[in-house]
Amino acid sequence: RCENLVEVYFQLQQQVMAASAELGPELLPRLLERFNEVLSSLVKSSFLVEKQPPQVLKTQTKFQASVRFLLGPRLLKAAPKPYVVRADMVTEKQARELELSSYSNTLSESTGEIMHNTVALETNPTSGTCCANFKNVLLKKIKRCERKGSESVTEEKCAVLFSTNVALTPSNVSVHLQVLSLPIVVIVHGNQDNNAKATVLWDNAFSEIDRVPFIVAERVPWEKMCDTLNLKFMSEVQTTKGLLKEHYFFLAQKIFNDHSARLEDFQSRHVSWAQFNKEILPGRGFTFWQWFDGVLDLTKRCLKSYWSDRLIVGFISKQYVCKLLSTEPDGTFLLRFSDSEIGGVTIAYVIRGKDGSSQVENIQPFSAKDLSIRSLGDRIRDLGQLRNLYPNIPKDQAFGSHYNSEWWGPG
């Protein structure tokens, strides 16, 4: 499409030059100036990031990225030598200034030190593409900017600015090309990864397309948050089984710390960034996102097949489990994600006394490390007090396909 537009541009330019005598000395220069503006605008918008750098970027770690110039094969044919694209780190403030000036001014200083940050812009004759591939870039260090109020380093967004100067053929107009990557959160230690992912998720999910970099809403509708958590869960766990209405109800009670509202009451509410990943959950040492991310990680690593077979209720409160199981036969059990630990799954089961009274027990949560030693299916088989998966599926029928065959023999 860009190439077709450039062809139209050149045809128009030829017609104007052919009619230059009739257009006269006043109109012709104005038209030619306008032509240059149009060409420059089209050329600048056809320079884009094809492979984005990682949005959570750790210093001293190599990464890859690539930019593509859609009009390169058409307009850089006669270049004596390849042009060089440069990659620089920019702060949110610098990104804003570049955007407001429509990228007409160049970057004064980089906010971090990037190694191997210049690459040739080359045209590949077989694929007909013009790209600069950054194969082993390394962010050596980052200069932090001044933060607003209680903002932490993992809420600070920067970006990579890719830029180059090219001379277009045949008009020989010189154009400065530059394009920003998606927002990036720079971390220096692995323990910041979880909070950095929260900033990136919130930005990707709730930012407007045409925005001032990198402004994003402080509060979003709960329904939008549900869609985001569902998409994130399915893509991370690689499952087609998403979250259900009752899961959202439990998550709403957790994030809003409200156990008296009905499911419908939450639908009109808004959830804030602070509730998502700034405020510690009541009686816990972690935020809502830190807890949810732990569930994601555990499910992805150890529970994918159980979740996909709908053997795990997961998102359900301890109190509601007691209510469900207290009227069930002895040995009825279900699986839920731990409330008190990050990344744990626990088994709740009912024991009936001789007098018929019921008691619901919760087994100490299993972590990913526990489940890598012995799988969940085998642990369930080991525990004789577990009989039927709620509501009433015999455990061997529910979990039989998940038992490890070497343990499964006569007697």
Protein backbone atom coordinates (compact mmCIF):
# COMPACT_ATOMS: atom_id res chain seq x y z
CA ARG A 1 0.00 0.00 0.00
CA CYS A 2 2.84 2.40 0.86
CA GLU A 3 4.60 1.56 -2.38
CA ASN A 4 1.40 2.23 -4.37
CA LEU A 5 1.03 5.62 -2.69
CA VAL A 6 4.63 6.51 -3.53
CA GLU A 7 3.98 5.62 -7.20
CA VAL A 8 0.96 7.96 -7.22
CA TYR A 9 3.16 10.64 -5.66
CA PHE A 10 5.84 10.33 -8.38
CA GLN A 11 3.23 10.42 -11.17
CA LEU A 12 1.71 13.58 -9.73
CA GLN A 13 5.13 15.15 -9.38
CA GLN A 14 5.93 14.40 -13.04
CA GLN A 15 2.65 15.95 -14.15
CA VAL A 16 3.32 19.08 -12.11
CA MET A 17 6.84 19.40 -13.55
CA ALA A 18 5.45 18.92 -17.08
CA ALA A 19 2.95 21.71 -16.43
CA SER A 20 5.46 23.96 -14.66
CA ALA A 21 5.24 26.71 -17.28
CA GLU A 22 1.45 26.99 -16.93
CA LEU A 23 1.59 26.83 -13.11
CA GLY A 24 3.85 29.88 -12.96
CA PRO A 25 6.60 31.01 -10.58
CA GLU A 26 4.26 31.52 -7.60
CA LEU A 27 2.28 28.29 -7.54
CA LEU A 28 5.04 25.87 -8.60
CA PRO A 29 7.38 26.33 -5.59
CA ARG A 30 4.40 26.07 -3.21
CA LEU A 31 3.27 22.84 -4.84
CA LEU A 32 6.79 21.37 -4.78
CA GLU A 33 7.17 22.26 -1.11
CA ARG A 34 3.84 20.57 -0.37
CA PHE A 35 5.01 17.50 -2.35
CA ASN A 36 8.12 17.26 -0.20
CA GLU A 37 5.98 17.45 2.98
CA VAL A 38 3.68 14.69 1.72
CA LEU A 39 6.58 12.45 0.72
CA SER A 40 8.36 13.06 4.00
CA SER A 41 5.19 12.26 5.99
CA LEU A 42 4.57 9.03 4.05
CA VAL A 43 8.19 7.96 4.36
CA LYS A 44 8.33 8.63 8.11
CA SER A 45 5.17 6.64 8.79
CA SER A 46 6.52 3.63 6.87
CA PHE A 47 9.44 3.17 9.29
CA LEU A 48 8.29 0.75 11.99
CA VAL A 49 9.35 -1.71 14.65
CA GLU A 50 8.86 -5.21 13.29
CA LYS A 51 10.17 -7.17 16.28
CA GLN A 52 9.65 -5.38 19.58
CA PRO A 53 12.31 -5.53 22.31
CA PRO A 54 11.17 -7.41 25.45
CA GLN A 55 8.83 -5.17 27.45
CA VAL A 56 10.46 -6.24 30.71
CA LEU A 57 14.15 -5.71 30.08
CA LYS A 58 16.91 -6.68 32.48
CA THR A 59 20.19 -4.79 32.39
CA GLN A 60 23.25 -6.83 31.38
CA THR A 61 21.01 -9.19 29.38
CA LYS A 62 21.15 -9.54 25.59
CA PHE A 63 17.99 -8.97 23.58
CA GLN A 64 16.85 -8.77 19.96
CA ALA A 65 14.76 -6.32 17.97
CA SER A 66 14.26 -5.33 14.36
CA VAL A 67 12.95 -2.34 12.44
CA ARG A 68 11.63 -2.30 8.93
CA PHE A 69 11.45 0.46 6.34
CA LEU A 70 8.50 -0.40 4.09
CA LEU A 71 9.59 2.02 1.35
CA GLY A 72 13.28 1.08 1.52
CA PRO A 73 13.32 -1.27 -1.48
CA ARG A 74 11.68 1.46 -3.61
CA LEU A 75 13.46 4.59 -2.36
CA LEU A 76 16.94 3.54 -1.30
CA LYS A 77 17.91 1.69 -4.49
CA ALA A 78 20.88 3.86 -5.44
CA ALA A 79 22.32 4.38 -1.95
CA PRO A 80 26.14 4.18 -2.22
CA LYS A 81 26.41 2.36 1.11
CA PRO A 82 23.83 1.03 3.60
CA TYR A 83 22.37 3.51 6.08
CA VAL A 84 22.87 2.78 9.76
CA VAL A 85 20.02 2.56 12.30
CA ARG A 86 20.81 3.50 15.88
CA ALA A 87 19.01 2.31 19.04
CA ASP A 88 18.83 4.55 22.14
CA MET A 89 16.97 4.33 25.46
CA VAL A 90 14.59 7.23 26.09
CA THR A 91 12.59 8.20 29.17
CA GLU A 92 8.82 8.71 29.18
CA LYS A 93 9.44 12.49 29.20
CA GLN A 94 11.77 12.28 26.16
CA ALA A 95 9.30 10.02 24.33
CA ARG A 96 6.58 12.62 24.97
CA GLU A 97 8.74 15.46 23.64
CA LEU A 98 9.63 13.48 20.51
CA GLU A 99 5.96 12.64 19.89
CA LEU A 100 4.78 16.24 20.40
CA SER A 101 7.33 17.51 17.90
CA SER A 102 6.10 14.84 15.41
CA TYR A 103 9.58 13.33 15.62
CA SER A 104 11.06 16.35 13.84
CA ASN A 105 13.76 16.98 16.46
CA THR A 106 16.45 14.49 17.30
CA LEU A 107 17.33 12.97 20.64
CA SER A 108 19.65 15.07 22.80
CA GLU A 109 20.88 12.31 25.12
CA SER A 110 20.26 8.63 25.73
CA THR A 111 18.94 7.62 29.15
CA GLY A 112 20.84 4.34 29.29
CA GLU A 113 23.92 2.81 27.76
CA ILE A 114 23.22 0.26 25.00
CA MET A 115 26.01 -1.91 23.58
CA HIS A 116 25.98 -3.00 19.88
CA ASN A 117 23.32 -0.37 19.19
CA THR A 118 24.08 0.43 15.51
CA VAL A 119 23.02 -1.86 12.68
CA ALA A 120 22.94 -1.50 8.88
CA LEU A 121 19.57 -1.02 7.18
CA GLU A 122 19.76 -3.67 4.45
CA THR A 123 17.49 -4.71 1.62
CA ASN A 124 17.02 -8.45 1.18
CA PRO A 125 16.61 -9.11 -2.59
CA THR A 126 14.78 -12.44 -2.14
CA SER A 127 12.13 -11.27 0.34
CA GLY A 128 12.08 -7.70 -0.96
CA THR A 129 12.24 -6.28 2.57
CA CYS A 130 14.43 -3.53 4.01
CA CYS A 131 15.30 -4.22 7.66
CA ALA A 132 17.80 -3.55 10.42
CA ASN A 133 18.11 -6.58 12.68
CA PHE A 134 19.53 -5.98 16.14
CA LYS A 135 20.74 -9.45 17.10
CA ASN A 136 22.69 -9.10 20.35
CA VAL A 137 21.94 -5.70 21.83
CA LEU A 138 22.70 -5.30 25.53
CA LEU A 139 21.42 -2.64 27.90
CA LYS A 140 24.48 -2.00 30.04
CA LYS A 141 22.99 0.43 32.51
CA ILE A 142 20.00 2.72 32.97
CA LYS A 143 19.74 6.26 34.30
CA ARG A 144 16.59 6.46 36.42
CA CYS A 145 14.48 9.60 36.12
CA GLU A 146 12.69 11.52 38.82
CA ARG A 147 9.67 9.56 39.95
CA LYS A 148 6.24 10.92 40.76
CA GLY A 149 5.11 10.59 44.39
CA SER A 150 5.12 6.99 45.59
CA GLU A 151 6.04 5.55 42.18
CA SER A 152 8.46 2.61 42.31
CA VAL A 153 11.17 1.82 39.75
CA THR A 154 9.01 -0.96 38.28
CA GLU A 155 6.32 1.61 37.41
CA GLU A 156 8.77 3.71 35.38
CA LYS A 157 8.36 3.29 31.63
CA CYS A 158 10.97 3.96 28.95
CA ALA A 159 11.28 2.93 25.31
CA VAL A 160 13.90 2.22 22.67
CA LEU A 161 14.13 4.89 19.99
CA PHE A 162 15.34 3.63 16.59
CA SER A 163 16.61 6.38 14.26
CA THR A 164 18.48 6.95 11.00
CA ASN A 165 18.96 9.61 8.29
CA VAL A 166 18.34 8.61 4.68
CA ALA A 167 18.50 10.36 1.30
CA LEU A 168 15.66 9.27 -0.97
CA THR A 169 16.13 8.48 -4.66
CA PRO A 170 15.42 9.92 -7.16
CA SER A 171 14.43 13.20 -5.43
CA ASN A 172 17.46 13.20 -3.09
CA VAL A 173 15.34 14.57 -0.24
CA SER A 174 17.03 13.95 3.11
CA VAL A 175 14.69 12.51 5.77
CA HIS A 176 15.25 11.75 9.46
CA LEU A 177 13.46 8.51 10.36
CA GLN A 178 12.67 7.52 13.92
CA VAL A 179 10.24 5.21 15.68
CA LEU A 180 9.61 4.28 19.31
CA SER A 181 9.25 0.75 20.65
CA LEU A 182 6.38 -0.23 22.93
CA PRO A 183 6.90 0.91 26.54
CA ILE A 184 9.59 -0.98 28.43
CA VAL A 185 10.17 -1.44 32.15
CA VAL A 186 13.85 -1.83 32.96
CA ILE A 187 14.81 -4.06 35.90
CA VAL A 188 18.21 -4.78 37.42
CA HIS A 189 17.23 -7.87 39.43
CA GLY A 190 14.99 -10.89 38.82
CA ASN A 191 12.90 -10.15 41.92
CA GLN A 192 11.54 -7.02 40.18
CA ASP A 193 10.19 -9.06 37.28
CA ASN A 194 6.76 -9.71 38.77
CA ASN A 195 5.99 -6.01 39.45
CA ALA A 196 7.42 -4.97 36.08
CA LYS A 197 5.07 -7.44 34.34
CA ALA A 198 2.14 -5.79 36.14
CA THR A 199 3.07 -2.35 34.75
CA VAL A 200 3.41 -3.76 31.23
CA LEU A 201 0.14 -5.72 31.43
CA TRP A 202 -1.79 -2.67 32.65
CA ASP A 203 -0.26 -0.52 29.89
CA ASN A 204 -0.87 -3.02 27.09
CA ALA A 205 -4.44 -3.71 28.17
CA PHE A 206 -5.74 -0.26 29.06
CA SER A 207 -3.85 2.36 27.02
CA GLU A 208 -5.51 4.17 24.13
CA ILE A 209 -3.89 3.76 20.71
CA ASP A 210 -3.41 7.49 20.03
CA ARG A 211 -2.07 8.63 23.38
CA VAL A 212 0.62 10.87 24.74
CA PRO A 213 3.45 8.46 25.70
CA PHE A 214 2.91 6.60 28.01
CA ILE A 215 -0.26 7.83 29.68
CA VAL A 216 -2.73 5.19 30.82
CA ALA A 217 -5.89 5.30 32.95
CA GLU A 218 -5.54 4.99 36.74
CA ARG A 219 -8.91 3.21 37.03
CA VAL A 220 -10.58 0.79 34.61
CA PRO A 221 -13.97 -1.01 34.50
CA TRP A 222 -13.92 -4.32 36.37
CA GLU A 223 -15.35 -6.09 33.29
CA LYS A 224 -12.34 -4.94 31.24
CA MET A 225 -10.05 -6.24 33.97
CA CYS A 226 -11.83 -9.63 33.85
CA ASP A 227 -11.21 -9.86 30.08
CA THR A 228 -7.55 -8.99 30.62
CA LEU A 229 -6.99 -11.55 33.39
CA ASN A 230 -8.73 -14.20 31.29
CA LEU A 231 -6.65 -13.51 28.17
CA LYS A 232 -3.47 -13.43 30.24
CA PHE A 233 -4.35 -16.70 31.97
CA MET A 234 -5.15 -18.53 28.71
CA SER A 235 -2.06 -17.28 26.87
CA GLU A 236 0.37 -17.94 29.75
CA VAL A 237 -1.00 -21.40 30.60
CA GLN A 238 -1.53 -22.21 26.88
CA THR A 239 -5.05 -23.52 27.45
CA THR A 240 -8.40 -23.06 25.73
CA LYS A 241 -10.24 -23.27 29.08
CA GLY A 242 -10.62 -19.75 30.39
CA LEU A 243 -11.97 -18.26 33.61
CA LEU A 244 -15.65 -18.74 34.48
CA LYS A 245 -18.26 -16.39 35.97
CA GLU A 246 -17.77 -17.83 39.46
CA HIS A 247 -14.00 -17.33 39.17
CA TYR A 248 -14.53 -13.64 38.41
CA PHE A 249 -16.82 -13.38 41.44
CA PHE A 250 -14.09 -14.74 43.71
CA LEU A 251 -11.44 -12.45 42.12
CA ALA A 252 -13.72 -9.42 42.57
CA GLN A 253 -14.26 -10.23 46.25
CA LYS A 254 -10.48 -10.49 46.63
CA ILE A 255 -9.42 -7.31 44.80
CA PHE A 256 -12.21 -5.12 46.26
CA ASN A 257 -12.04 -6.79 49.71
CA ASP A 258 -15.83 -7.03 49.69
CA HIS A 259 -17.55 -10.28 50.64
CA SER A 260 -21.08 -8.89 50.99
CA ALA A 261 -21.68 -7.75 47.38
CA ARG A 262 -23.43 -9.93 44.80
CA LEU A 263 -21.92 -10.90 41.45
CA GLU A 264 -23.98 -8.23 39.60
CA ASP A 265 -22.83 -5.49 42.00
CA PHE A 266 -19.24 -5.78 40.82
CA GLN A 267 -20.09 -5.30 37.14
CA SER A 268 -20.47 -1.52 37.42
CA ARG A 269 -17.34 -1.03 39.54
CA HIS A 270 -13.94 0.31 38.55
CA VAL A 271 -10.65 -1.16 39.75
CA SER A 272 -7.61 1.04 40.34
CA TRP A 273 -3.93 0.45 39.62
CA ALA A 274 -3.34 0.66 43.40
CA GLN A 275 -5.82 -2.18 44.04
CA PHE A 276 -4.21 -4.19 41.26
CA ASN A 277 -0.56 -3.97 42.29
CA LYS A 278 0.19 -1.37 44.97
CA GLU A 279 -1.95 -2.10 48.01
CA ILE A 280 -1.18 -5.22 50.04
CA LEU A 281 -4.16 -7.62 50.35
CA PRO A 282 -5.68 -7.57 53.88
CA GLY A 283 -3.78 -9.85 56.25
CA ARG A 284 -1.25 -10.81 53.54
CA GLY A 285 2.22 -9.75 52.52
CA PHE A 286 1.51 -9.39 48.79
CA THR A 287 -0.64 -7.54 46.23
CA PHE A 288 -3.50 -8.94 44.12
CA TRP A 289 -1.30 -9.17 41.01
CA GLN A 290 1.59 -10.84 42.85
CA TRP A 291 -0.86 -13.48 44.06
CA PHE A 292 -2.51 -13.93 40.62
CA ASP A 293 0.87 -14.12 38.87
CA GLY A 294 1.89 -16.88 41.30
CA VAL A 295 -1.23 -18.83 40.30
CA LEU A 296 -0.35 -18.32 36.62
CA ASP A 297 3.17 -19.57 37.11
CA LEU A 298 2.10 -22.64 39.13
CA THR A 299 -0.64 -23.58 36.62
CA LYS A 300 1.66 -23.10 33.63
CA ARG A 301 4.43 -25.23 35.15
CA CYS A 302 2.54 -28.01 36.93
CA LEU A 303 -1.24 -27.92 36.50
CA LYS A 304 -1.97 -27.21 32.84
CA SER A 305 -3.55 -30.60 32.04
CA TYR A 306 -5.58 -30.69 35.29
CA TRP A 307 -6.90 -27.16 34.63
CA SER A 308 -7.72 -27.99 30.99
CA ASP A 309 -9.65 -31.08 32.14
CA ARG A 310 -11.57 -28.82 34.58
CA LEU A 311 -10.40 -30.85 37.60
CA ILE A 312 -9.36 -27.69 39.50
CA VAL A 313 -11.94 -25.18 40.74
CA GLY A 314 -8.98 -23.00 41.73
CA PHE A 315 -10.49 -19.57 42.24
CA ILE A 316 -12.77 -20.19 45.22
CA SER A 317 -12.70 -19.01 48.83
CA LYS A 318 -12.03 -21.23 51.84
CA GLN A 319 -15.39 -20.20 53.35
CA TYR A 320 -17.36 -21.14 50.23
CA VAL A 321 -15.54 -24.50 50.01
CA CYS A 322 -16.67 -25.26 53.61
CA LYS A 323 -20.24 -24.44 52.63
CA LEU A 324 -20.08 -26.70 49.53
CA LEU A 325 -18.40 -29.68 51.17
CA SER A 326 -20.10 -29.71 54.58
CA THR A 327 -23.20 -31.49 53.22
CA GLU A 328 -21.22 -33.97 51.07
CA PRO A 329 -20.28 -37.61 51.87
CA ASP A 330 -17.03 -38.40 53.69
CA GLY A 331 -13.91 -38.05 51.48
CA THR A 332 -15.42 -35.58 48.96
CA PHE A 333 -12.68 -33.12 47.94
CA LEU A 334 -11.86 -30.25 45.59
CA LEU A 335 -8.78 -28.26 44.59
CA ARG A 336 -8.35 -24.55 45.10
CA PHE A 337 -5.50 -22.04 44.84
CA SER A 338 -4.02 -21.09 48.19
CA ASP A 339 -5.07 -17.72 49.61
CA SER A 340 -2.24 -17.44 52.09
CA GLU A 341 0.69 -18.42 49.87
CA ILE A 342 1.85 -17.24 46.45
CA GLY A 343 1.77 -20.08 43.91
CA GLY A 344 0.22 -22.87 45.96
CA VAL A 345 -2.63 -25.33 45.32
CA THR A 346 -4.44 -26.96 48.21
CA ILE A 347 -6.86 -29.87 48.62
CA ALA A 348 -9.95 -29.36 50.78
CA TYR A 349 -11.84 -32.49 51.84
CA VAL A 350 -14.65 -33.42 54.20
CA ILE A 351 -14.40 -35.83 57.16
CA ARG A 352 -17.57 -37.09 58.82
CA GLY A 353 -17.55 -38.07 62.48
CA LYS A 354 -19.44 -41.08 63.89
CA ASP A 355 -22.20 -38.71 64.97
CA GLY A 356 -22.59 -37.51 61.36
CA SER A 357 -21.02 -34.09 62.02
CA SER A 358 -18.77 -32.85 59.23
CA GLN A 359 -15.41 -31.13 59.30
CA VAL A 360 -13.62 -29.64 56.29
CA GLU A 361 -9.83 -30.00 56.31
CA ASN A 362 -7.35 -28.14 54.07
CA ILE A 363 -4.07 -29.88 53.25
CA GLN A 364 -0.92 -27.73 53.44
CA PRO A 365 -0.59 -26.09 49.94
CA PHE A 366 1.70 -27.70 47.35
CA SER A 367 4.15 -25.40 45.52
CA ALA A 368 5.63 -25.87 42.05
CA LYS A 369 8.71 -27.33 43.73
CA ASP A 370 6.58 -29.93 45.59
CA LEU A 371 4.75 -30.89 42.39
CA SER A 372 8.00 -31.29 40.46
CA ILE A 373 9.01 -33.95 43.00
CA ARG A 374 5.69 -35.82 42.89
CA SER A 375 2.82 -34.84 40.61
CA LEU A 376 -0.58 -33.68 41.82
CA GLY A 377 -2.30 -36.80 40.40
CA ASP A 378 0.04 -39.14 42.27
CA ARG A 379 -0.34 -37.16 45.50
CA ILE A 380 -4.13 -37.43 45.23
CA ARG A 381 -3.84 -41.20 44.68
CA ASP A 382 -1.52 -41.48 47.72
CA LEU A 383 -4.05 -39.85 50.06
CA GLY A 384 -6.49 -42.56 51.14
CA GLN A 385 -8.88 -40.08 52.78
CA LEU A 386 -9.72 -38.60 49.34
CA ARG A 387 -12.53 -40.51 47.58
CA ASN A 388 -14.69 -38.43 45.25
CA LEU A 389 -13.94 -35.21 43.40
CA TYR A 390 -16.76 -32.74 44.08
CA PRO A 391 -19.63 -33.15 43.27
CA ASN A 392 -19.35 -36.97 43.01
CA ILE A 393 -16.71 -38.29 40.56
CA PRO A 394 -14.64 -41.22 41.92
CA LYS A 395 -11.06 -39.96 42.18
CA ASP A 396 -9.57 -42.75 40.02
CA GLN A 397 -12.03 -41.89 37.27
CA ALA A 398 -11.25 -38.16 37.49
CA PHE A 399 -7.46 -38.39 37.92
CA GLY A 400 -6.63 -41.85 36.53
CA SER A 401 -5.21 -40.49 33.28
CA HIS A 402 -2.88 -38.23 35.34
CA TYR A 403 -1.42 -41.04 37.46
CA ASN A 404 2.17 -41.94 36.72
CA SER A 405 2.09 -45.44 35.18
CA GLU A 406 5.24 -46.71 36.91
CA TRP A 407 3.47 -46.32 40.26
CA TRP A 408 0.31 -47.93 38.98
CA GLY A 409 0.50 -51.70 39.25
CA PRO A 410 -1.21 -54.68 40.87
CA GLY A 411 -1.90 -54.04 44.56
